[in-house]
Amino acid sequence: MKLTMELREFREALCNKRVLIVLDDIDKGEQVEILVGNRTLCSGSRILITTRDEHVLHINKLDYGILYYEMELISTDQALELFSRHALNSNLPLDDYNDLSREVVSTIGRLPLSLEVIGSLLFRKTREQWKETLDKLRQAPHKGVFEKLKISYDALSVKQQRIFLDIACFFIGEDKTNAIYFWEDRGLLQGDGVNVLNRMSLIKIKENKFWMHDQLRHLGREIIHQENLTNFGKHSRLWICKEILDTLTTKEVKYLRRNLIFFSNRKSFTSACSFFFLLFPILILSFEIEY
């Protein structure tokens, strides 16, 4: 495994210090191996790793003792309280909504993200709207987080959906200012779309930057993937450099219509094509090509 000079210096520094390292949302064992290597850490150091796949910790070259801890779901009472805060602005269900609240929580399960998103969707809605949403939740596959979260996405207007997908594909961790200019230019901000997404707990804005839960990010990108399962050149948004280059260098480019393409840096952009539209610090190309 080839290491950069910066990584070598970092690992050498770790050898002489007792440290606590937190690695969040790891999905590949190589990420751990590259950072800490084999017998890199000083005695007494600790690594805290969060992951949804325990197999990423099965690293043969890692000579450390590993203690596994599986996070438990919140209790039913805690789930009901979390849901009530978002749906009813109260720690407990109101009398008129008590039975409905318990049914919704039972159907959703005790996943905090789903409770927050569905609760925000139902805020200030009528009992009939609650019942309609409950019916949709029951039709979603058992424990199908994607299907349950998509109910909130489907409740958005078309313009709000486009903003949500743009954030999921391009703008997570980016300053919102440039994105706002971009959406204003495209006429997408009528109706206060960004604030609606924030109010519905589909995004958060921290230090003027967009933040989105990784499962909501996956929801947005999976929606794009479902646009065409066999040809990513027909997707409405492209954000993976290899897919961008493959699309632009094949005959399939003639099918591309007003696609949005994200480039992480100027070098990858200029290697793909010689014309661009710049929204600093993100490079975005909005174009139409036909051969």
Protein backbone atom coordinates (compact mmCIF):
# COMPACT_ATOMS: atom_id res chain seq x y z
CA MET A 1 0.00 0.00 0.00
CA LYS A 2 1.49 3.31 -1.09
CA LEU A 3 1.46 6.04 1.55
CA THR A 4 1.85 9.75 0.98
CA MET A 5 4.51 11.67 2.84
CA GLU A 6 1.80 13.37 4.93
CA LEU A 7 0.38 10.02 6.01
CA ARG A 8 3.81 8.69 6.93
CA GLU A 9 4.50 11.77 9.04
CA PHE A 10 1.09 11.44 10.69
CA ARG A 11 1.66 7.78 11.56
CA GLU A 12 5.13 8.52 12.90
CA ALA A 13 3.68 11.21 15.14
CA LEU A 14 1.12 8.75 16.50
CA CYS A 15 3.86 6.37 17.60
CA ASN A 16 5.03 8.79 20.29
CA LYS A 17 1.71 9.97 21.71
CA ARG A 18 -1.16 8.40 23.59
CA VAL A 19 -4.19 9.43 21.53
CA LEU A 20 -7.93 8.93 21.14
CA ILE A 21 -8.95 8.67 17.47
CA VAL A 22 -12.58 8.74 16.37
CA LEU A 23 -13.42 7.37 12.90
CA ASP A 24 -17.05 7.94 12.04
CA ASP A 25 -19.17 6.02 9.51
CA ILE A 26 -16.38 3.79 8.18
CA ASP A 27 -17.40 1.52 5.30
CA LYS A 28 -14.05 0.07 4.22
CA GLY A 29 -11.38 -1.62 6.32
CA GLU A 30 -8.68 -0.01 4.20
CA GLN A 31 -9.65 3.36 5.67
CA VAL A 32 -8.59 2.16 9.12
CA GLU A 33 -5.50 0.39 7.85
CA ILE A 34 -4.22 3.40 5.93
CA LEU A 35 -4.62 5.73 8.89
CA VAL A 36 -3.21 3.68 11.75
CA GLY A 37 -1.45 0.81 10.00
CA ASN A 38 0.01 -2.13 11.93
CA ARG A 39 1.39 -1.42 15.41
CA THR A 40 1.43 2.29 14.77
CA LEU A 41 -0.22 3.61 17.89
CA CYS A 42 1.47 4.35 21.18
CA SER A 43 0.56 2.03 24.07
CA GLY A 44 -2.62 3.18 25.82
CA SER A 45 -4.13 4.77 22.70
CA ARG A 46 -7.70 4.06 21.71
CA ILE A 47 -9.60 4.07 18.40
CA LEU A 48 -13.37 4.55 18.39
CA ILE A 49 -14.95 3.42 15.10
CA THR A 50 -18.59 3.73 14.08
CA THR A 51 -19.82 1.62 11.19
CA ARG A 52 -22.97 -0.04 9.88
CA ASP A 53 -20.96 -3.09 8.76
CA GLU A 54 -18.90 -4.90 11.40
CA HIS A 55 -17.01 -6.79 8.69
CA VAL A 56 -14.97 -3.67 7.92
CA LEU A 57 -13.16 -4.33 11.21
CA HIS A 58 -11.97 -7.77 10.09
CA ILE A 59 -8.53 -6.54 9.07
CA ASN A 60 -5.78 -9.19 9.13
CA LYS A 61 -2.96 -6.66 9.24
CA LEU A 62 -4.40 -4.81 12.23
CA ASP A 63 -2.67 -6.02 15.39
CA TYR A 64 -4.98 -4.47 17.98
CA GLY A 65 -7.56 -5.90 20.33
CA ILE A 66 -11.08 -5.06 19.14
CA LEU A 67 -14.10 -4.72 21.42
CA TYR A 68 -17.47 -4.73 19.66
CA TYR A 69 -20.42 -2.73 20.93
CA GLU A 70 -23.73 -2.82 19.11
CA MET A 71 -25.85 0.28 19.58
CA GLU A 72 -29.29 -0.56 20.91
CA LEU A 73 -32.46 0.95 19.53
CA ILE A 74 -34.11 3.60 21.67
CA SER A 75 -37.00 2.39 23.82
CA THR A 76 -40.63 2.66 22.72
CA ASP A 77 -41.21 5.50 25.19
CA GLN A 78 -38.15 7.38 23.91
CA ALA A 79 -39.29 6.82 20.32
CA LEU A 80 -42.74 8.19 21.15
CA GLU A 81 -41.19 11.24 22.82
CA LEU A 82 -38.88 11.95 19.87
CA PHE A 83 -41.72 11.59 17.39
CA SER A 84 -44.02 13.82 19.47
CA ARG A 85 -41.42 16.60 19.63
CA HIS A 86 -41.33 16.84 15.85
CA ALA A 87 -44.96 16.05 15.05
CA LEU A 88 -46.72 17.82 17.93
CA ASN A 89 -44.11 20.12 19.49
CA SER A 90 -44.66 18.24 22.74
CA ASN A 91 -42.84 15.58 24.75
CA LEU A 92 -45.97 13.41 24.85
CA PRO A 93 -48.76 12.81 22.32
CA LEU A 94 -51.80 15.03 22.66
CA ASP A 95 -54.98 13.24 23.71
CA ASP A 96 -56.55 13.54 20.26
CA TYR A 97 -53.43 12.12 18.62
CA ASN A 98 -52.35 9.58 21.23
CA ASP A 99 -53.54 6.43 19.44
CA LEU A 100 -52.44 7.68 16.02
CA SER A 101 -49.01 8.63 17.36
CA ARG A 102 -48.47 5.17 18.82
CA GLU A 103 -49.58 3.53 15.58
CA VAL A 104 -47.19 5.66 13.53
CA VAL A 105 -44.26 4.95 15.88
CA SER A 106 -45.06 1.24 15.83
CA THR A 107 -45.13 1.25 12.02
CA ILE A 108 -41.96 3.31 11.59
CA GLY A 109 -39.95 1.38 14.15
CA ARG A 110 -37.49 3.01 16.53
CA LEU A 111 -35.01 4.47 14.06
CA PRO A 112 -34.45 8.08 15.19
CA LEU A 113 -34.00 9.48 11.67
CA SER A 114 -37.33 8.06 10.46
CA LEU A 115 -39.09 9.30 13.60
CA GLU A 116 -37.69 12.79 13.08
CA VAL A 117 -38.45 12.98 9.35
CA ILE A 118 -41.96 11.50 9.48
CA GLY A 119 -42.76 13.52 12.60
CA SER A 120 -41.73 16.74 10.85
CA LEU A 121 -43.86 15.75 7.85
CA LEU A 122 -46.95 15.43 10.08
CA PHE A 123 -46.43 18.66 12.00
CA ARG A 124 -49.58 20.82 11.87
CA LYS A 125 -51.36 18.29 9.65
CA THR A 126 -54.95 17.16 10.19
CA ARG A 127 -55.97 13.77 11.56
CA GLU A 128 -57.06 12.75 8.06
CA GLN A 129 -53.61 13.59 6.72
CA TRP A 130 -52.07 11.58 9.54
CA LYS A 131 -54.23 8.58 8.61
CA GLU A 132 -53.29 8.90 4.93
CA THR A 133 -49.59 8.96 5.84
CA LEU A 134 -50.04 5.99 8.18
CA ASP A 135 -51.61 3.99 5.33
CA LYS A 136 -48.60 4.80 3.12
CA LEU A 137 -46.19 3.75 5.87
CA ARG A 138 -47.99 0.43 6.26
CA GLN A 139 -47.66 -0.22 2.55
CA ALA A 140 -43.87 0.27 2.71
CA PRO A 141 -41.89 -2.99 3.07
CA HIS A 142 -41.15 -4.06 6.64
CA LYS A 143 -38.17 -2.08 7.98
CA GLY A 144 -37.85 -0.43 4.55
CA VAL A 145 -36.14 2.81 5.61
CA PHE A 146 -35.83 3.99 2.00
CA GLU A 147 -39.54 3.64 1.34
CA LYS A 148 -40.49 5.33 4.61
CA LEU A 149 -38.19 8.30 4.06
CA LYS A 150 -39.34 8.64 0.46
CA ILE A 151 -42.84 9.44 1.71
CA SER A 152 -41.48 12.81 2.91
CA TYR A 153 -39.66 13.33 -0.38
CA ASP A 154 -42.86 12.62 -2.32
CA ALA A 155 -44.67 15.27 -0.24
CA LEU A 156 -42.35 18.00 -1.61
CA SER A 157 -43.17 20.14 -4.61
CA VAL A 158 -41.27 19.43 -7.83
CA LYS A 159 -38.97 22.42 -7.26
CA GLN A 160 -38.30 21.39 -3.66
CA GLN A 161 -37.49 17.87 -4.83
CA ARG A 162 -34.95 19.25 -7.30
CA ILE A 163 -33.28 21.28 -4.54
CA PHE A 164 -33.19 18.20 -2.28
CA LEU A 165 -31.55 16.11 -5.02
CA ASP A 166 -29.02 18.86 -5.78
CA ILE A 167 -27.98 18.97 -2.12
CA ALA A 168 -27.78 15.17 -1.87
CA CYS A 169 -25.58 14.95 -4.98
CA PHE A 170 -23.51 18.15 -4.87
CA PHE A 171 -23.81 20.45 -1.90
CA ILE A 172 -23.36 18.46 1.33
CA GLY A 173 -20.73 20.25 3.40
CA GLU A 174 -20.69 23.20 1.03
CA ASP A 175 -21.49 26.83 1.78
CA LYS A 176 -25.11 27.49 0.93
CA THR A 177 -24.47 30.91 -0.65
CA ASN A 178 -23.31 29.60 -4.03
CA ALA A 179 -26.11 27.05 -4.15
CA ILE A 180 -28.70 29.77 -3.44
CA TYR A 181 -27.38 31.83 -6.37
CA PHE A 182 -27.55 28.72 -8.56
CA TRP A 183 -31.18 27.91 -7.62
CA GLU A 184 -32.25 31.53 -7.95
CA ASP A 185 -30.87 31.57 -11.47
CA ARG A 186 -32.88 28.43 -12.27
CA GLY A 187 -36.08 29.77 -10.69
CA LEU A 188 -36.24 27.08 -8.01
CA LEU A 189 -36.47 29.19 -4.87
CA GLN A 190 -40.05 30.33 -5.20
CA GLY A 191 -41.91 29.11 -2.12
CA ASP A 192 -38.91 29.13 0.23
CA GLY A 193 -37.74 25.64 -0.73
CA VAL A 194 -34.59 25.49 1.41
CA ASN A 195 -36.45 26.45 4.59
CA VAL A 196 -39.11 23.84 3.82
CA LEU A 197 -36.44 21.13 3.59
CA ASN A 198 -34.90 22.35 6.84
CA ARG A 199 -38.28 22.43 8.59
CA MET A 200 -39.05 18.90 7.42
CA SER A 201 -35.70 17.66 8.84
CA LEU A 202 -34.50 16.59 5.38
CA ILE A 203 -31.49 18.89 5.68
CA LYS A 204 -29.81 20.97 8.35
CA ILE A 205 -27.75 24.15 7.98
CA LYS A 206 -24.70 24.33 10.23
CA GLU A 207 -22.30 27.29 10.06
CA ASN A 208 -23.97 28.31 6.78
CA LYS A 209 -23.20 24.91 5.24
CA PHE A 210 -25.59 22.17 4.18
CA TRP A 211 -25.68 19.00 6.27
CA MET A 212 -27.66 15.88 5.43
CA HIS A 213 -27.94 12.54 7.19
CA ASP A 214 -26.15 9.85 5.21
CA GLN A 215 -29.36 7.83 4.81
CA LEU A 216 -31.09 10.85 3.29
CA ARG A 217 -28.09 11.37 1.04
CA HIS A 218 -28.42 7.73 -0.02
CA LEU A 219 -32.14 8.28 -0.63
CA GLY A 220 -31.44 11.21 -2.96
CA ARG A 221 -28.72 9.44 -4.89
CA GLU A 222 -30.75 6.24 -5.15
CA ILE A 223 -33.62 8.25 -6.65
CA ILE A 224 -31.18 9.44 -9.32
CA HIS A 225 -29.93 5.87 -9.81
CA GLN A 226 -33.49 4.65 -10.34
CA GLU A 227 -33.92 7.07 -13.25
CA ASN A 228 -32.06 4.56 -15.40
CA LEU A 229 -30.64 1.33 -13.96
CA THR A 230 -28.42 0.46 -16.93
CA ASN A 231 -27.14 3.75 -18.31
CA PHE A 232 -25.91 6.44 -15.91
CA GLY A 233 -25.44 8.73 -18.91
CA LYS A 234 -29.21 9.24 -18.84
CA HIS A 235 -29.25 10.29 -15.16
CA SER A 236 -30.31 13.85 -14.40
CA ARG A 237 -27.24 14.33 -12.18
CA LEU A 238 -23.71 12.93 -12.28
CA TRP A 239 -21.24 13.37 -9.42
CA ILE A 240 -18.79 10.46 -9.73
CA CYS A 241 -15.78 11.50 -11.85
CA LYS A 242 -15.41 8.12 -13.58
CA GLU A 243 -19.06 8.12 -14.64
CA ILE A 244 -18.71 11.69 -15.88
CA LEU A 245 -15.64 10.88 -17.97
CA ASP A 246 -17.15 7.64 -19.30
CA THR A 247 -20.29 9.51 -20.32
CA LEU A 248 -18.47 12.37 -22.02
CA THR A 249 -16.12 10.06 -23.93
CA THR A 250 -18.73 7.68 -25.37
CA LYS A 251 -21.46 7.99 -27.96
CA GLU A 252 -24.01 7.92 -25.17
CA VAL A 253 -23.29 11.60 -24.55
CA LYS A 254 -25.87 12.47 -27.22
CA TYR A 255 -28.59 11.40 -24.80
CA LEU A 256 -27.47 13.84 -22.15
CA ARG A 257 -30.01 16.62 -21.59
CA ARG A 258 -29.35 19.48 -19.19
CA ASN A 259 -27.49 17.21 -16.81
CA LEU A 260 -25.78 18.61 -13.76
CA ILE A 261 -22.22 17.44 -13.35
CA PHE A 262 -20.11 17.90 -10.23
CA PHE A 263 -16.33 18.09 -10.33
CA SER A 264 -14.38 18.02 -7.09
CA ASN A 265 -11.50 20.04 -8.49
CA ARG A 266 -10.40 21.98 -11.57
CA LYS A 267 -8.05 19.24 -12.75
CA SER A 268 -10.77 16.59 -13.00
CA PHE A 269 -13.01 19.13 -14.70
CA THR A 270 -10.56 20.21 -17.38
CA SER A 271 -9.68 16.59 -18.12
CA ALA A 272 -13.35 15.98 -18.95
CA CYS A 273 -14.07 18.90 -21.25
CA SER A 274 -12.88 22.35 -22.23
CA PHE A 275 -15.96 24.43 -21.41
CA PHE A 276 -17.44 25.10 -18.00
CA PHE A 277 -19.73 27.12 -15.83
CA LEU A 278 -18.12 28.07 -12.53
CA LEU A 279 -19.80 28.53 -9.17
CA PHE A 280 -16.84 28.80 -6.82
CA PRO A 281 -15.83 26.65 -4.93
CA ILE A 282 -17.91 24.00 -6.72
CA LEU A 283 -17.64 23.48 -10.42
CA ILE A 284 -21.00 22.77 -11.99
CA LEU A 285 -21.73 22.22 -15.64
CA SER A 286 -25.23 22.80 -16.97
CA PHE A 287 -25.38 22.03 -20.65
CA GLU A 288 -27.14 20.40 -23.55
CA ILE A 289 -25.35 18.35 -26.16
CA GLU A 290 -26.59 16.50 -29.23
CA TYR A 291 -24.56 14.91 -31.97
